[in-house]
Amino acid sequence: MSNKSNGTAFEREFAQMLSERGFWVHLLKDNSNGQPFDVIGAMHDTPYAFDCKDCTGKNFELRRMEENQRNAMQLWLECGNRNAMFAVRYPGDQVYLFEYTDLIEYEKEMSRIPADRAITYGYTMDEFMRIFAHESNDQ
């Protein structure tokens, strides 16, 4: 399977993971211009923008955040939305979620997040649900 088809499969799997946890989810269709993110989800009146990255190696290279994705996530936040995130799947199907604003800060000190450090810098799916989905329910 190619990197692109692996990535597309992960986008579908991630959207399904969110849906199974009670999110309304829309998977954005790829087009020739590229879409700004892969998945939009909403729960408890709170929208989330997600870009999915499927790592074949043991590191999430921060340079994989493309300029159009950075611009879209920044605009998403400037429009008053709070949750712009990258969902990263490491080998072994470990999925971690990273807030875009955190990644921008991390990028000042590092160029990659190794799989064995992802738990330090990101959230597991369960942590994300406990912290973010609960947080949006409290608003």
Protein backbone atom coordinates (compact mmCIF):
# COMPACT_ATOMS: atom_id res chain seq x y z
CA MET A 1 0.00 0.00 0.00
CA SER A 2 1.35 3.49 -0.87
CA ASN A 3 1.93 6.25 1.69
CA LYS A 4 -1.05 8.16 0.27
CA SER A 5 -3.40 5.17 0.53
CA ASN A 6 -2.09 4.41 4.05
CA GLY A 7 -2.81 8.02 5.01
CA THR A 8 -6.28 7.93 3.47
CA ALA A 9 -7.05 4.68 5.30
CA PHE A 10 -5.93 6.25 8.59
CA GLU A 11 -8.15 9.29 7.95
CA ARG A 12 -11.16 6.97 7.58
CA GLU A 13 -10.16 4.93 10.65
CA PHE A 14 -9.68 8.08 12.74
CA ALA A 15 -13.05 9.47 11.66
CA GLN A 16 -14.61 6.15 12.67
CA MET A 17 -12.86 6.28 16.06
CA LEU A 18 -14.36 9.72 16.70
CA SER A 19 -17.80 8.65 15.53
CA GLU A 20 -17.76 5.63 17.82
CA ARG A 21 -17.08 8.02 20.72
CA GLY A 22 -20.10 10.20 19.99
CA PHE A 23 -18.70 12.84 17.65
CA TRP A 24 -20.47 14.12 14.58
CA VAL A 25 -17.73 13.64 11.98
CA HIS A 26 -17.14 14.77 8.42
CA LEU A 27 -14.20 13.43 6.42
CA LEU A 28 -13.07 16.09 3.95
CA LYS A 29 -12.57 14.83 0.44
CA ASP A 30 -9.13 15.28 -1.08
CA ASN A 31 -9.03 17.50 -4.12
CA SER A 32 -6.37 18.67 -6.55
CA ASN A 33 -5.71 21.78 -4.42
CA GLY A 34 -5.45 19.80 -1.20
CA GLN A 35 -7.83 20.30 1.67
CA PRO A 36 -6.88 22.29 4.77
CA PHE A 37 -7.47 19.39 7.15
CA ASP A 38 -8.72 15.83 6.92
CA VAL A 39 -11.52 15.58 9.48
CA ILE A 40 -13.92 17.99 11.13
CA GLY A 41 -15.65 16.72 14.24
CA ALA A 42 -18.10 18.25 16.67
CA MET A 43 -19.33 17.28 20.10
CA HIS A 44 -21.26 19.28 22.71
CA ASP A 45 -21.39 22.38 20.46
CA THR A 46 -17.60 22.38 20.08
CA PRO A 47 -15.96 21.97 16.65
CA TYR A 48 -12.59 20.30 16.14
CA ALA A 49 -10.29 20.36 13.10
CA PHE A 50 -7.98 17.37 12.68
CA ASP A 51 -5.21 16.62 10.27
CA CYS A 52 -4.15 12.97 10.18
CA LYS A 53 -0.54 11.87 9.80
CA ASP A 54 0.41 8.22 9.39
CA CYS A 55 4.04 7.61 10.40
CA THR A 56 5.82 4.66 8.86
CA GLY A 57 8.89 5.26 11.02
CA LYS A 58 9.37 5.82 14.72
CA ASN A 59 9.22 9.65 14.52
CA PHE A 60 6.63 12.28 13.69
CA GLU A 61 8.68 14.81 11.76
CA LEU A 62 7.27 18.26 12.51
CA ARG A 63 8.21 19.40 9.01
CA ARG A 64 5.34 17.19 7.81
CA MET A 65 2.99 19.98 8.88
CA GLU A 66 2.53 21.58 5.47
CA GLU A 67 2.19 25.32 4.93
CA ASN A 68 -1.44 25.09 3.78
CA GLN A 69 -2.26 23.05 6.90
CA ARG A 70 -0.52 25.56 9.15
CA ASN A 71 -2.36 28.44 7.49
CA ALA A 72 -5.72 26.69 7.74
CA MET A 73 -5.23 25.74 11.39
CA GLN A 74 -4.11 29.27 12.25
CA LEU A 75 -7.17 30.73 10.50
CA TRP A 76 -9.40 28.16 12.24
CA LEU A 77 -8.11 29.47 15.58
CA GLU A 78 -8.32 33.14 14.53
CA CYS A 79 -12.00 32.60 13.66
CA GLY A 80 -12.67 31.80 17.31
CA ASN A 81 -12.41 28.02 17.25
CA ARG A 82 -10.29 26.45 19.96
CA ASN A 83 -9.40 22.96 18.80
CA ALA A 84 -6.98 22.50 15.91
CA MET A 85 -5.21 19.17 16.23
CA PHE A 86 -2.99 16.65 14.51
CA ALA A 87 -3.84 12.96 14.91
CA VAL A 88 -0.66 10.95 14.47
CA ARG A 89 -0.52 7.18 14.07
CA TYR A 90 2.80 5.60 14.89
CA PRO A 91 3.75 2.02 13.91
CA GLY A 92 1.80 -0.51 15.94
CA ASP A 93 -1.40 1.55 15.56
CA GLN A 94 -0.57 3.87 18.47
CA VAL A 95 -2.58 7.08 17.91
CA TYR A 96 -1.72 10.33 19.67
CA LEU A 97 -3.37 13.72 19.35
CA PHE A 98 -1.32 16.90 19.44
CA GLU A 99 -2.68 20.42 19.68
CA TYR A 100 -1.49 22.55 16.77
CA THR A 101 -0.46 25.40 19.09
CA ASP A 102 1.63 22.98 21.16
CA LEU A 103 3.37 21.65 18.04
CA ILE A 104 4.32 25.19 17.03
CA GLU A 105 5.93 25.66 20.45
CA TYR A 106 7.65 22.25 20.37
CA GLU A 107 9.05 23.08 16.95
CA LYS A 108 11.19 25.82 18.54
CA GLU A 109 13.14 23.16 20.46
CA MET A 110 12.80 19.95 18.43
CA SER A 111 12.28 18.71 14.90
CA ARG A 112 10.46 15.45 15.62
CA ILE A 113 8.45 13.62 18.24
CA PRO A 114 9.60 10.01 18.66
CA ALA A 115 6.94 7.38 19.32
CA ASP A 116 8.34 6.68 22.77
CA ARG A 117 7.93 10.38 23.71
CA ALA A 118 4.50 10.95 22.16
CA ILE A 119 2.76 10.23 25.47
CA THR A 120 4.73 13.14 26.99
CA TYR A 121 3.77 15.67 24.31
CA GLY A 122 0.38 14.46 23.11
CA TYR A 123 -2.79 12.72 24.21
CA THR A 124 -3.98 9.17 23.76
CA MET A 125 -7.52 8.86 22.43
CA ASP A 126 -8.79 8.12 25.94
CA GLU A 127 -7.00 11.17 27.37
CA PHE A 128 -8.36 13.32 24.57
CA MET A 129 -11.91 12.18 25.30
CA ARG A 130 -11.50 12.71 29.03
CA ILE A 131 -9.92 16.16 28.75
CA PHE A 132 -11.39 17.73 25.62
CA ALA A 133 -14.80 16.12 25.23
CA HIS A 134 -15.45 16.58 28.95
CA GLU A 135 -14.15 20.17 28.78
CA SER A 136 -16.52 21.05 25.95
CA ASN A 137 -19.41 19.50 27.88
CA ASP A 138 -18.71 21.81 30.83
CA GLN A 139 -19.00 25.02 28.81
